[in-house]
PDB file of N, CA and C in Angstrom:
ATOM      1  N   MET A   1      50.212  38.947 -14.832  1.00  0.00           N
ATOM      2  CA  MET A   1      49.318  39.607 -13.886  1.00  0.00           C
ATOM      3  C   MET A   1      47.863  39.623 -14.395  1.00  0.00           C
ATOM      4  N   ALA A   2      47.673  39.908 -15.670  1.00  0.00           N
ATOM      5  CA  ALA A   2      46.323  39.989 -16.247  1.00  0.00           C
ATOM      6  C   ALA A   2      45.656  38.621 -16.203  1.00  0.00           C
ATOM      7  N   TYR A   3      46.399  37.557 -16.469  1.00  0.00           N
ATOM      8  CA  TYR A   3      45.818  36.229 -16.446  1.00  0.00           C
ATOM      9  C   TYR A   3      45.494  35.788 -15.022  1.00  0.00           C
ATOM     10  N   GLN A   4      46.268  36.232 -14.060  1.00  0.00           N
ATOM     11  CA  GLN A   4      45.913  35.921 -12.654  1.00  0.00           C
ATOM     12  C   GLN A   4      44.612  36.579 -12.276  1.00  0.00           C
ATOM     13  N   LEU A   5      44.416  37.813 -12.700  1.00  0.00           N
ATOM     14  CA  LEU A   5      43.172  38.528 -12.455  1.00  0.00           C
ATOM     15  C   LEU A   5      42.019  37.835 -13.175  1.00  0.00           C
ATOM     16  N   LEU A   6      42.241  37.441 -14.413  1.00  0.00           N
ATOM     17  CA  LEU A   6      41.222  36.736 -15.164  1.00  0.00           C
ATOM     18  C   LEU A   6      40.841  35.421 -14.478  1.00  0.00           C
ATOM     19  N   THR A   7      41.834  34.706 -13.979  1.00  0.00           N
ATOM     20  CA  THR A   7      41.559  33.459 -13.238  1.00  0.00           C
ATOM     21  C   THR A   7      40.684  33.733 -12.037  1.00  0.00           C
ATOM     22  N   THR A   8      40.986  34.784 -11.308  1.00  0.00           N
ATOM     23  CA  THR A   8      40.194  35.148 -10.134  1.00  0.00           C
ATOM     24  C   THR A   8      38.756  35.470 -10.540  1.00  0.00           C
ATOM     25  N   VAL A   9      38.594  36.221 -11.606  1.00  0.00           N
ATOM     26  CA  VAL A   9      37.245  36.574 -12.084  1.00  0.00           C
ATOM     27  C   VAL A   9      36.473  35.306 -12.465  1.00  0.00           C
ATOM     28  N   ILE A  10      37.144  34.377 -13.122  1.00  0.00           N
ATOM     29  CA  ILE A  10      36.482  33.129 -13.517  1.00  0.00           C
ATOM     30  C   ILE A  10      36.074  32.317 -12.290  1.00  0.00           C
ATOM     31  N   VAL A  11      36.966  32.245 -11.289  1.00  0.00           N
ATOM     32  CA  VAL A  11      36.632  31.486 -10.065  1.00  0.00           C
ATOM     33  C   VAL A  11      35.450  32.125  -9.344  1.00  0.00           C
ATOM     34  N   VAL A  12      35.433  33.443  -9.241  1.00  0.00           N
ATOM     35  CA  VAL A  12      34.322  34.159  -8.585  1.00  0.00           C
ATOM     36  C   VAL A  12      33.025  33.908  -9.362  1.00  0.00           C
ATOM     37  N   THR A  13      33.115  33.950 -10.681  1.00  0.00           N
ATOM     38  CA  THR A  13      31.942  33.683 -11.521  1.00  0.00           C
ATOM     39  C   THR A  13      31.440  32.255 -11.311  1.00  0.00           C
ATOM     40  N   HIS A  14      32.379  31.320 -11.177  1.00  0.00           N
ATOM     41  CA  HIS A  14      31.987  29.924 -10.961  1.00  0.00           C
ATOM     42  C   HIS A  14      31.290  29.765  -9.608  1.00  0.00           C
ATOM     43  N   PHE A  15      31.828  30.411  -8.577  1.00  0.00           N
ATOM     44  CA  PHE A  15      31.179  30.365  -7.246  1.00  0.00           C
ATOM     45  C   PHE A  15      29.774  30.975  -7.344  1.00  0.00           C
ATOM     46  N   ALA A  16      29.635  32.088  -8.063  1.00  0.00           N
ATOM     47  CA  ALA A  16      28.330  32.722  -8.198  1.00  0.00           C
ATOM     48  C   ALA A  16      27.361  31.815  -8.939  1.00  0.00           C
ATOM     49  N   PHE A  17      27.836  31.112  -9.970  1.00  0.00           N
ATOM     50  CA  PHE A  17      26.976  30.205 -10.699  1.00  0.00           C
ATOM     51  C   PHE A  17      26.497  29.058  -9.788  1.00  0.00           C
ATOM     52  N   VAL A  18      27.415  28.492  -9.013  1.00  0.00           N
ATOM     53  CA  VAL A  18      27.039  27.390  -8.116  1.00  0.00           C
ATOM     54  C   VAL A  18      26.038  27.905  -7.057  1.00  0.00           C
ATOM     55  N   ALA A  19      26.268  29.088  -6.516  1.00  0.00           N
ATOM     56  CA  ALA A  19      25.337  29.657  -5.548  1.00  0.00           C
ATOM     57  C   ALA A  19      23.982  29.884  -6.185  1.00  0.00           C
ATOM     58  N   TYR A  20      23.961  30.378  -7.421  1.00  0.00           N
ATOM     59  CA  TYR A  20      22.688  30.574  -8.120  1.00  0.00           C
ATOM     60  C   TYR A  20      22.006  29.250  -8.399  1.00  0.00           C
ATOM     61  N   LEU A  21      22.767  28.256  -8.748  1.00  0.00           N
ATOM     62  CA  LEU A  21      22.200  26.922  -8.971  1.00  0.00           C
ATOM     63  C   LEU A  21      21.499  26.418  -7.708  1.00  0.00           C
ATOM     64  N   VAL A  22      22.130  26.605  -6.577  1.00  0.00           N
ATOM     65  CA  VAL A  22      21.557  26.120  -5.311  1.00  0.00           C
ATOM     66  C   VAL A  22      20.372  26.968  -4.850  1.00  0.00           C
ATOM     67  N   LEU A  23      20.476  28.276  -4.955  1.00  0.00           N
ATOM     68  CA  LEU A  23      19.486  29.167  -4.335  1.00  0.00           C
ATOM     69  C   LEU A  23      18.634  29.975  -5.307  1.00  0.00           C
ATOM     70  N   GLY A  24      18.931  29.908  -6.590  1.00  0.00           N
ATOM     71  CA  GLY A  24      18.247  30.747  -7.580  1.00  0.00           C
ATOM     72  C   GLY A  24      16.758  30.523  -7.668  1.00  0.00           C
ATOM     73  N   GLY A  25      16.314  29.308  -7.386  1.00  0.00           N
ATOM     74  CA  GLY A  25      14.871  29.048  -7.425  1.00  0.00           C
ATOM     75  C   GLY A  25      14.120  29.887  -6.400  1.00  0.00           C
ATOM     76  N   PHE A  26      14.772  30.173  -5.282  1.00  0.00           N
ATOM     77  CA  PHE A  26      14.117  31.012  -4.265  1.00  0.00           C
ATOM     78  C   PHE A  26      14.033  32.468  -4.730  1.00  0.00           C
ATOM     79  N   LEU A  27      14.962  32.902  -5.562  1.00  0.00           N
ATOM     80  CA  LEU A  27      14.878  34.254  -6.130  1.00  0.00           C
ATOM     81  C   LEU A  27      13.625  34.396  -6.994  1.00  0.00           C
ATOM     82  N   ALA A  28      13.241  33.315  -7.629  1.00  0.00           N
ATOM     83  CA  ALA A  28      12.055  33.336  -8.505  1.00  0.00           C
ATOM     84  C   ALA A  28      10.769  33.552  -7.694  1.00  0.00           C
ATOM     85  N   TRP A  29      10.813  33.351  -6.390  1.00  0.00           N
ATOM     86  CA  TRP A  29       9.636  33.638  -5.590  1.00  0.00           C
ATOM     87  C   TRP A  29       9.326  35.129  -5.663  1.00  0.00           C
ATOM     88  N   ARG A  30      10.376  35.940  -5.778  1.00  0.00           N
ATOM     89  CA  ARG A  30      10.214  37.384  -5.832  1.00  0.00           C
ATOM     90  C   ARG A  30      10.185  37.891  -7.279  1.00  0.00           C
ATOM     91  N   TRP A  31      11.080  37.349  -8.098  1.00  0.00           N
ATOM     92  CA  TRP A  31      11.204  37.731  -9.506  1.00  0.00           C
ATOM     93  C   TRP A  31      10.935  36.507 -10.361  1.00  0.00           C
ATOM     94  N   ARG A  32       9.669  36.298 -10.682  1.00  0.00           N
ATOM     95  CA  ARG A  32       9.256  35.052 -11.347  1.00  0.00           C
ATOM     96  C   ARG A  32       9.946  34.823 -12.673  1.00  0.00           C
ATOM     97  N   TRP A  33      10.287  35.850 -13.400  1.00  0.00           N
ATOM     98  CA  TRP A  33      10.913  35.696 -14.691  1.00  0.00           C
ATOM     99  C   TRP A  33      12.273  35.016 -14.603  1.00  0.00           C
ATOM    100  N   THR A  34      12.893  34.992 -13.409  1.00  0.00           N
ATOM    101  CA  THR A  34      14.216  34.366 -13.259  1.00  0.00           C
ATOM    102  C   THR A  34      14.167  32.853 -13.259  1.00  0.00           C
ATOM    103  N   ILE A  35      12.975  32.271 -13.220  1.00  0.00           N
ATOM    104  CA  ILE A  35      12.868  30.810 -13.171  1.00  0.00           C
ATOM    105  C   ILE A  35      13.398  30.172 -14.458  1.00  0.00           C
ATOM    106  N   VAL A  36      13.304  30.864 -15.555  1.00  0.00           N
ATOM    107  CA  VAL A  36      13.817  30.303 -16.817  1.00  0.00           C
ATOM    108  C   VAL A  36      15.337  30.156 -16.724  1.00  0.00           C
ATOM    109  N   ALA A  37      16.013  31.191 -16.270  1.00  0.00           N
ATOM    110  CA  ALA A  37      17.463  31.106 -16.099  1.00  0.00           C
ATOM    111  C   ALA A  37      17.844  30.033 -15.082  1.00  0.00           C
ATOM    112  N   HIS A  38      17.049  29.932 -14.016  1.00  0.00           N
ATOM    113  CA  HIS A  38      17.341  28.934 -12.998  1.00  0.00           C
ATOM    114  C   HIS A  38      17.123  27.516 -13.526  1.00  0.00           C
ATOM    115  N   ALA A  39      16.075  27.324 -14.301  1.00  0.00           N
ATOM    116  CA  ALA A  39      15.844  26.005 -14.891  1.00  0.00           C
ATOM    117  C   ALA A  39      16.986  25.614 -15.809  1.00  0.00           C
ATOM    118  N   LEU A  40      17.499  26.546 -16.567  1.00  0.00           N
ATOM    119  CA  LEU A  40      18.653  26.268 -17.419  1.00  0.00           C
ATOM    120  C   LEU A  40      19.885  25.926 -16.586  1.00  0.00           C
ATOM    121  N   ALA A  41      20.126  26.684 -15.521  1.00  0.00           N
ATOM    122  CA  ALA A  41      21.265  26.417 -14.642  1.00  0.00           C
ATOM    123  C   ALA A  41      21.140  25.058 -13.974  1.00  0.00           C
ATOM    124  N   ALA A  42      19.941  24.738 -13.499  1.00  0.00           N
ATOM    125  CA  ALA A  42      19.708  23.439 -12.839  1.00  0.00           C
ATOM    126  C   ALA A  42      19.881  22.286 -13.827  1.00  0.00           C
ATOM    127  N   THR A  43      19.412  22.486 -15.044  1.00  0.00           N
ATOM    128  CA  THR A  43      19.571  21.455 -16.069  1.00  0.00           C
ATOM    129  C   THR A  43      21.039  21.239 -16.368  1.00  0.00           C
ATOM    130  N   TRP A  44      21.800  22.320 -16.514  1.00  0.00           N
ATOM    131  CA  TRP A  44      23.227  22.213 -16.764  1.00  0.00           C
ATOM    132  C   TRP A  44      23.909  21.483 -15.597  1.00  0.00           C
ATOM    133  N   GLY A  45      23.591  21.838 -14.382  1.00  0.00           N
ATOM    134  CA  GLY A  45      24.197  21.178 -13.208  1.00  0.00           C
ATOM    135  C   GLY A  45      23.889  19.691 -13.195  1.00  0.00           C
ATOM    136  N   LEU A  46      22.654  19.352 -13.507  1.00  0.00           N
ATOM    137  CA  LEU A  46      22.275  17.943 -13.536  1.00  0.00           C
ATOM    138  C   LEU A  46      23.036  17.178 -14.629  1.00  0.00           C
ATOM    139  N   LEU A  47      23.159  17.800 -15.787  1.00  0.00           N
ATOM    140  CA  LEU A  47      23.907  17.166 -16.877  1.00  0.00           C
ATOM    141  C   LEU A  47      25.386  16.994 -16.538  1.00  0.00           C
ATOM    142  N   VAL A  48      25.979  17.990 -15.912  1.00  0.00           N
ATOM    143  CA  VAL A  48      27.392  17.906 -15.541  1.00  0.00           C
ATOM    144  C   VAL A  48      27.623  16.733 -14.585  1.00  0.00           C
ATOM    145  N   ILE A  49      26.705  16.560 -13.638  1.00  0.00           N
ATOM    146  CA  ILE A  49      26.870  15.501 -12.637  1.00  0.00           C
ATOM    147  C   ILE A  49      26.564  14.129 -13.244  1.00  0.00           C
ATOM    148  N   THR A  50      25.457  14.024 -13.941  1.00  0.00           N
ATOM    149  CA  THR A  50      25.031  12.705 -14.426  1.00  0.00           C
ATOM    150  C   THR A  50      25.830  12.228 -15.621  1.00  0.00           C
ATOM    151  N   LEU A  51      26.255  13.141 -16.478  1.00  0.00           N
ATOM    152  CA  LEU A  51      26.978  12.740 -17.688  1.00  0.00           C
ATOM    153  C   LEU A  51      28.464  13.019 -17.614  1.00  0.00           C
ATOM    154  N   SER A  52      28.924  13.513 -16.459  1.00  0.00           N
ATOM    155  CA  SER A  52      30.351  13.858 -16.258  1.00  0.00           C
ATOM    156  C   SER A  52      30.850  14.805 -17.355  1.00  0.00           C
ATOM    157  N   LEU A  53      30.052  15.807 -17.667  1.00  0.00           N
ATOM    158  CA  LEU A  53      30.456  16.797 -18.660  1.00  0.00           C
ATOM    159  C   LEU A  53      31.500  17.752 -18.095  1.00  0.00           C
ATOM    160  N   ASN A  54      32.305  18.291 -18.963  1.00  0.00           N
ATOM    161  CA  ASN A  54      33.285  19.303 -18.559  1.00  0.00           C
ATOM    162  C   ASN A  54      32.623  20.671 -18.616  1.00  0.00           C
ATOM    163  N   CYS A  55      32.772  21.424 -17.555  1.00  0.00           N
ATOM    164  CA  CYS A  55      32.198  22.762 -17.495  1.00  0.00           C
ATOM    165  C   CYS A  55      33.079  23.741 -18.254  1.00  0.00           C
ATOM    166  N   PRO A  56      32.493  24.597 -19.077  1.00  0.00           N
ATOM    167  CA  PRO A  56      33.304  25.581 -19.793  1.00  0.00           C
ATOM    168  C   PRO A  56      34.030  26.570 -18.860  1.00  0.00           C
ATOM    169  N   LEU A  57      33.448  26.835 -17.689  1.00  0.00           N
ATOM    170  CA  LEU A  57      34.130  27.725 -16.752  1.00  0.00           C
ATOM    171  C   LEU A  57      35.407  27.067 -16.217  1.00  0.00           C
ATOM    172  N   THR A  58      35.358  25.760 -15.984  1.00  0.00           N
ATOM    173  CA  THR A  58      36.571  25.046 -15.552  1.00  0.00           C
ATOM    174  C   THR A  58      37.602  25.063 -16.662  1.00  0.00           C
ATOM    175  N   ALA A  59      37.174  24.847 -17.895  1.00  0.00           N
ATOM    176  CA  ALA A  59      38.103  24.889 -19.023  1.00  0.00           C
ATOM    177  C   ALA A  59      38.729  26.298 -19.146  1.00  0.00           C
ATOM    178  N   ALA A  60      37.914  27.331 -18.978  1.00  0.00           N
ATOM    179  CA  ALA A  60      38.409  28.704 -19.043  1.00  0.00           C
ATOM    180  C   ALA A  60      39.404  28.978 -17.911  1.00  0.00           C
ATOM    181  N   GLU A  61      39.087  28.480 -16.710  1.00  0.00           N
ATOM    182  CA  GLU A  61      40.009  28.682 -15.608  1.00  0.00           C
ATOM    183  C   GLU A  61      41.319  27.971 -15.863  1.00  0.00           C
ATOM    184  N   ASN A  62      41.288  26.742 -16.340  1.00  0.00           N
ATOM    185  CA  ASN A  62      42.517  26.011 -16.635  1.00  0.00           C
ATOM    186  C   ASN A  62      43.350  26.756 -17.686  1.00  0.00           C
ATOM    187  N   TRP A  63      42.692  27.256 -18.733  1.00  0.00           N
ATOM    188  CA  TRP A  63      43.378  28.010 -19.765  1.00  0.00           C
ATOM    189  C   TRP A  63      44.069  29.235 -19.174  1.00  0.00           C
ATOM    190  N   SER A  64      43.314  29.975 -18.358  1.00  0.00           N
ATOM    191  CA  SER A  64      43.835  31.185 -17.742  1.00  0.00           C
ATOM    192  C   SER A  64      44.955  30.879 -16.759  1.00  0.00           C
ATOM    193  N   ARG A  65      44.797  29.824 -15.993  1.00  0.00           N
ATOM    194  CA  ARG A  65      45.845  29.417 -15.026  1.00  0.00           C
ATOM    195  C   ARG A  65      47.133  29.076 -15.755  1.00  0.00           C
ATOM    196  N   GLN A  66      47.028  28.363 -16.846  1.00  0.00           N
ATOM    197  CA  GLN A  66      48.228  28.000 -17.614  1.00  0.00           C
ATOM    198  C   GLN A  66      48.904  29.243 -18.186  1.00  0.00           C
ATOM    199  N   ARG A  67      48.111  30.210 -18.678  1.00  0.00           N
ATOM    200  CA  ARG A  67      48.702  31.450 -19.213  1.00  0.00           C
ATOM    201  C   ARG A  67      49.372  32.251 -18.089  1.00  0.00           C
ATOM    202  N   ALA A  68      48.877  32.090 -16.859  1.00  0.00           N
ATOM    203  CA  ALA A  68      49.450  32.802 -15.723  1.00  0.00           C
ATOM    204  C   ALA A  68      50.664  32.065 -15.140  1.00  0.00           C
ATOM    205  N   GLY A  69      50.985  30.900 -15.712  1.00  0.00           N
ATOM    206  CA  GLY A  69      52.158  30.166 -15.247  1.00  0.00           C
ATOM    207  C   GLY A  69      51.865  29.090 -14.223  1.00  0.00           C
ATOM    208  N   ALA A  70      50.616  28.843 -13.942  1.00  0.00           N
ATOM    209  CA  ALA A  70      50.216  27.787 -13.001  1.00  0.00           C
ATOM    210  C   ALA A  70      49.725  26.580 -13.785  1.00  0.00           C
ATOM    211  N   GLY A  71      49.625  25.469 -13.126  1.00  0.00           N
ATOM    212  CA  GLY A  71      49.108  24.269 -13.784  1.00  0.00           C
ATOM    213  C   GLY A  71      47.598  24.239 -13.775  1.00  0.00           C
ATOM    214  N   PRO A  72      47.030  23.336 -14.564  1.00  0.00           N
ATOM    215  CA  PRO A  72      45.571  23.205 -14.557  1.00  0.00           C
ATOM    216  C   PRO A  72      45.081  22.650 -13.225  1.00  0.00           C
ATOM    217  N   LEU A  73      43.798  22.798 -12.994  1.00  0.00           N
ATOM    218  CA  LEU A  73      43.185  22.254 -11.779  1.00  0.00           C
ATOM    219  C   LEU A  73      43.282  20.742 -11.759  1.00  0.00           C
ATOM    220  N   PRO A  74      43.653  20.161 -10.628  1.00  0.00           N
ATOM    221  CA  PRO A  74      43.535  18.705 -10.523  1.00  0.00           C
ATOM    222  C   PRO A  74      42.054  18.382 -10.288  1.00  0.00           C
ATOM    223  N   GLY A  75      41.406  17.764 -11.243  1.00  0.00           N
ATOM    224  CA  GLY A  75      39.972  17.541 -11.143  1.00  0.00           C
ATOM    225  C   GLY A  75      39.226  18.765 -11.650  1.00  0.00           C
ATOM    226  N   GLY A  76      38.084  19.034 -11.078  1.00  0.00           N
ATOM    227  CA  GLY A  76      37.273  20.165 -11.506  1.00  0.00           C
ATOM    228  C   GLY A  76      37.115  21.181 -10.420  1.00  0.00           C
ATOM    229  N   PHE A  77      36.258  22.137 -10.683  1.00  0.00           N
ATOM    230  CA  PHE A  77      36.010  23.236  -9.747  1.00  0.00           C
ATOM    231  C   PHE A  77      35.465  22.709  -8.422  1.00  0.00           C
ATOM    232  N   ILE A  78      34.470  21.836  -8.493  1.00  0.00           N
ATOM    233  CA  ILE A  78      33.863  21.293  -7.269  1.00  0.00           C
ATOM    234  C   ILE A  78      34.915  20.540  -6.469  1.00  0.00           C
ATOM    235  N   ASP A  79      35.731  19.731  -7.159  1.00  0.00           N
ATOM    236  CA  ASP A  79      36.774  18.951  -6.486  1.00  0.00           C
ATOM    237  C   ASP A  79      37.785  19.869  -5.802  1.00  0.00           C
ATOM    238  N   ARG A  80      38.124  20.966  -6.436  1.00  0.00           N
ATOM    239  CA  ARG A  80      39.181  21.843  -5.926  1.00  0.00           C
ATOM    240  C   ARG A  80      38.715  22.778  -4.831  1.00  0.00           C
ATOM    241  N   TYR A  81      37.566  23.406  -5.010  1.00  0.00           N
ATOM    242  CA  TYR A  81      37.156  24.480  -4.123  1.00  0.00           C
ATOM    243  C   TYR A  81      36.055  24.128  -3.138  1.00  0.00           C
ATOM    244  N   LEU A  82      35.331  23.059  -3.356  1.00  0.00           N
ATOM    245  CA  LEU A  82      34.205  22.750  -2.468  1.00  0.00           C
ATOM    246  C   LEU A  82      34.393  21.439  -1.697  1.00  0.00           C
ATOM    247  N   THR A  83      34.598  20.334  -2.427  1.00  0.00           N
ATOM    248  CA  THR A  83      34.721  19.028  -1.799  1.00  0.00           C
ATOM    249  C   THR A  83      36.008  18.995  -0.962  1.00  0.00           C
ATOM    250  N   GLY A  84      35.842  18.706   0.314  1.00  0.00           N
ATOM    251  CA  GLY A  84      36.991  18.669   1.224  1.00  0.00           C
ATOM    252  C   GLY A  84      37.331  20.031   1.796  1.00  0.00           C
ATOM    253  N   VAL A  85      36.689  21.081   1.304  1.00  0.00           N
ATOM    254  CA  VAL A  85      36.904  22.416   1.818  1.00  0.00           C
ATOM    255  C   VAL A  85      35.638  22.902   2.528  1.00  0.00           C
ATOM    256  N   VAL A  86      34.513  22.926   1.812  1.00  0.00           N
ATOM    257  CA  VAL A  86      33.237  23.362   2.383  1.00  0.00           C
ATOM    258  C   VAL A  86      32.552  22.208   3.104  1.00  0.00           C
ATOM    259  N   TYR A  87      32.711  21.006   2.588  1.00  0.00           N
ATOM    260  CA  TYR A  87      32.125  19.802   3.202  1.00  0.00           C
ATOM    261  C   TYR A  87      33.107  18.656   2.989  1.00  0.00           C
ATOM    262  N   PRO A  88      33.089  17.670   3.911  1.00  0.00           N
ATOM    263  CA  PRO A  88      33.997  16.528   3.759  1.00  0.00           C
ATOM    264  C   PRO A  88      33.677  15.741   2.504  1.00  0.00           C
ATOM    265  N   ALA A  89      34.719  15.224   1.875  1.00  0.00           N
ATOM    266  CA  ALA A  89      34.570  14.487   0.599  1.00  0.00           C
ATOM    267  C   ALA A  89      33.615  13.305   0.740  1.00  0.00           C
ATOM    268  N   ARG A  90      33.570  12.705   1.902  1.00  0.00           N
ATOM    269  CA  ARG A  90      32.714  11.508   2.050  1.00  0.00           C
ATOM    270  C   ARG A  90      31.224  11.872   1.979  1.00  0.00           C
ATOM    271  N   TYR A  91      30.889  13.149   2.054  1.00  0.00           N
ATOM    272  CA  TYR A  91      29.490  13.588   1.985  1.00  0.00           C
ATOM    273  C   TYR A  91      29.109  14.136   0.629  1.00  0.00           C
ATOM    274  N   LEU A  92      29.892  13.904  -0.392  1.00  0.00           N
ATOM    275  CA  LEU A  92      29.621  14.458  -1.723  1.00  0.00           C
ATOM    276  C   LEU A  92      28.223  14.107  -2.203  1.00  0.00           C
ATOM    277  N   HIS A  93      27.845  12.836  -2.120  1.00  0.00           N
ATOM    278  CA  HIS A  93      26.538  12.424  -2.628  1.00  0.00           C
ATOM    279  C   HIS A  93      25.391  13.006  -1.793  1.00  0.00           C
ATOM    280  N   GLN A  94      25.597  13.120  -0.499  1.00  0.00           N
ATOM    281  CA  GLN A  94      24.577  13.727   0.347  1.00  0.00           C
ATOM    282  C   GLN A  94      24.418  15.219   0.008  1.00  0.00           C
ATOM    283  N   VAL A  95      25.515  15.887  -0.282  1.00  0.00           N
ATOM    284  CA  VAL A  95      25.443  17.306  -0.654  1.00  0.00           C
ATOM    285  C   VAL A  95      24.729  17.450  -1.984  1.00  0.00           C
ATOM    286  N   GLN A  96      25.048  16.569  -2.948  1.00  0.00           N
ATOM    287  CA  GLN A  96      24.358  16.617  -4.229  1.00  0.00           C
ATOM    288  C   GLN A  96      22.859  16.396  -4.050  1.00  0.00           C
ATOM    289  N   LEU A  97      22.483  15.470  -3.182  1.00  0.00           N
ATOM    290  CA  LEU A  97      21.060  15.215  -2.902  1.00  0.00           C
ATOM    291  C   LEU A  97      20.429  16.438  -2.227  1.00  0.00           C
ATOM    292  N   LEU A  98      21.132  17.056  -1.300  1.00  0.00           N
ATOM    293  CA  LEU A  98      20.628  18.249  -0.627  1.00  0.00           C
ATOM    294  C   LEU A  98      20.399  19.384  -1.627  1.00  0.00           C
ATOM    295  N   VAL A  99      21.315  19.560  -2.557  1.00  0.00           N
ATOM    296  CA  VAL A  99      21.158  20.583  -3.580  1.00  0.00           C
ATOM    297  C   VAL A  99      19.908  20.292  -4.410  1.00  0.00           C
ATOM    298  N   ALA A 100      19.726  19.045  -4.815  1.00  0.00           N
ATOM    299  CA  ALA A 100      18.548  18.656  -5.605  1.00  0.00           C
ATOM    300  C   ALA A 100      17.271  18.948  -4.804  1.00  0.00           C
ATOM    301  N   VAL A 101      17.266  18.627  -3.529  1.00  0.00           N
ATOM    302  CA  VAL A 101      16.101  18.875  -2.680  1.00  0.00           C
ATOM    303  C   VAL A 101      15.825  20.372  -2.573  1.00  0.00           C
ATOM    304  N   LEU A 102      16.876  21.161  -2.395  1.00  0.00           N
ATOM    305  CA  LEU A 102      16.684  22.623  -2.305  1.00  0.00           C
ATOM    306  C   LEU A 102      16.087  23.178  -3.594  1.00  0.00           C
ATOM    307  N   VAL A 103      16.576  22.703  -4.734  1.00  0.00           N
ATOM    308  CA  VAL A 103      16.047  23.185  -6.011  1.00  0.00           C
ATOM    309  C   VAL A 103      14.572  22.790  -6.118  1.00  0.00           C
ATOM    310  N   LEU A 104      14.242  21.545  -5.802  1.00  0.00           N
ATOM    311  CA  LEU A 104      12.848  21.095  -5.896  1.00  0.00           C
ATOM    312  C   LEU A 104      11.940  21.842  -4.931  1.00  0.00           C
ATOM    313  N   VAL A 105      12.425  22.081  -3.720  1.00  0.00           N
ATOM    314  CA  VAL A 105      11.634  22.852  -2.742  1.00  0.00           C
ATOM    315  C   VAL A 105      11.414  24.274  -3.251  1.00  0.00           C
ATOM    316  N   SER A 106      12.444  24.876  -3.822  1.00  0.00           N
ATOM    317  CA  SER A 106      12.267  26.242  -4.338  1.00  0.00           C
ATOM    318  C   SER A 106      11.253  26.272  -5.479  1.00  0.00           C
ATOM    319  N   TRP A 107      11.273  25.271  -6.332  1.00  0.00           N
ATOM    320  CA  TRP A 107      10.301  25.230  -7.433  1.00  0.00           C
ATOM    321  C   TRP A 107       8.893  24.935  -6.912  1.00  0.00           C
ATOM    322  N   ALA A 108       8.789  24.047  -5.916  1.00  0.00           N
ATOM    323  CA  ALA A 108       7.475  23.750  -5.340  1.00  0.00           C
ATOM    324  C   ALA A 108       6.923  25.009  -4.669  1.00  0.00           C
ATOM    325  N   GLY A 109       7.768  25.723  -3.970  1.00  0.00           N
ATOM    326  CA  GLY A 109       7.345  26.975  -3.337  1.00  0.00           C
ATOM    327  C   GLY A 109       6.892  28.001  -4.346  1.00  0.00           C
ATOM    328  N   LEU A 110       7.592  28.058  -5.471  1.00  0.00           N
ATOM    329  CA  LEU A 110       7.186  28.978  -6.528  1.00  0.00           C
ATOM    330  C   LEU A 110       5.824  28.580  -7.089  1.00  0.00           C
ATOM    331  N   ALA A 111       5.635  27.276  -7.304  1.00  0.00           N
ATOM    332  CA  ALA A 111       4.361  26.795  -7.848  1.00  0.00           C
ATOM    333  C   ALA A 111       3.209  27.139  -6.905  1.00  0.00           C
ATOM    334  N   ARG A 112       3.449  27.058  -5.609  1.00  0.00           N
ATOM    335  CA  ARG A 112       2.398  27.401  -4.630  1.00  0.00           C
ATOM    336  C   ARG A 112       2.082  28.890  -4.624  1.00  0.00           C
ATOM    337  N   ARG A 113       3.065  29.705  -4.980  1.00  0.00           N
ATOM    338  CA  ARG A 113       2.882  31.148  -4.974  1.00  0.00           C
ATOM    339  C   ARG A 113       2.209  31.670  -6.245  1.00  0.00           C
ATOM    340  N   LEU A 114       2.188  30.879  -7.270  1.00  0.00           N
ATOM    341  CA  LEU A 114       1.575  31.306  -8.534  1.00  0.00           C
ATOM    342  C   LEU A 114       0.065  31.378  -8.360  1.00  0.00           C
ATOM    343  N   PRO A 115      -0.540  32.389  -8.942  1.00  0.00           N
ATOM    344  CA  PRO A 115      -2.010  32.500  -8.820  1.00  0.00           C
ATOM    345  C   PRO A 115      -2.686  31.341  -9.541  1.00  0.00           C
ATOM    346  N   THR A 116      -3.753  30.848  -8.945  1.00  0.00           N
ATOM    347  CA  THR A 116      -4.520  29.752  -9.569  1.00  0.00           C
ATOM    348  C   THR A 116      -5.569  30.392 -10.504  1.00  0.00           C
ATOM    349  N   PRO A 117      -5.817  29.764 -11.621  1.00  0.00           N
ATOM    350  CA  PRO A 117      -6.798  30.307 -12.572  1.00  0.00           C
ATOM    351  C   PRO A 117      -8.220  30.214 -11.975  1.00  0.00           C
ATOM    352  N   ARG A 118      -9.024  31.231 -12.268  1.00  0.00           N
ATOM    353  CA  ARG A 118     -10.414  31.223 -11.800  1.00  0.00           C
ATOM    354  C   ARG A 118     -11.257  30.434 -12.771  1.00  0.00           C
ATOM    355  N   ARG A 119     -12.281  29.822 -12.265  1.00  0.00           N
ATOM    356  CA  ARG A 119     -13.204  29.055 -13.122  1.00  0.00           C
ATOM    357  C   ARG A 119     -14.375  29.877 -13.504  1.00  0.00           C
TER     358      ARG A 119
END
């Protein structure tokens, strides 16, 4: 029972991280200090996609699932919970591009909101 709860907590944390990755740059419009955390999250997301790195949250979920008596995830978190569920699998690359555009737009918007130095 405890491992099932832990698995749920890990999955919720993973969803929160992905949501922050996609939208966190917009939070920096209000709380500028959060841009550092968002830059780190965006860098991690880019590395996971481009270098096919294993996410520690996925590893933790697999560990917890096995302790709870279930098997590991087939594929990763994105494969299991998002691709084919939130959007059709054939649009994976378009969704990745959309996420990149949203991050860049949020950063560009933040840059426009920063005060310009006086001469």
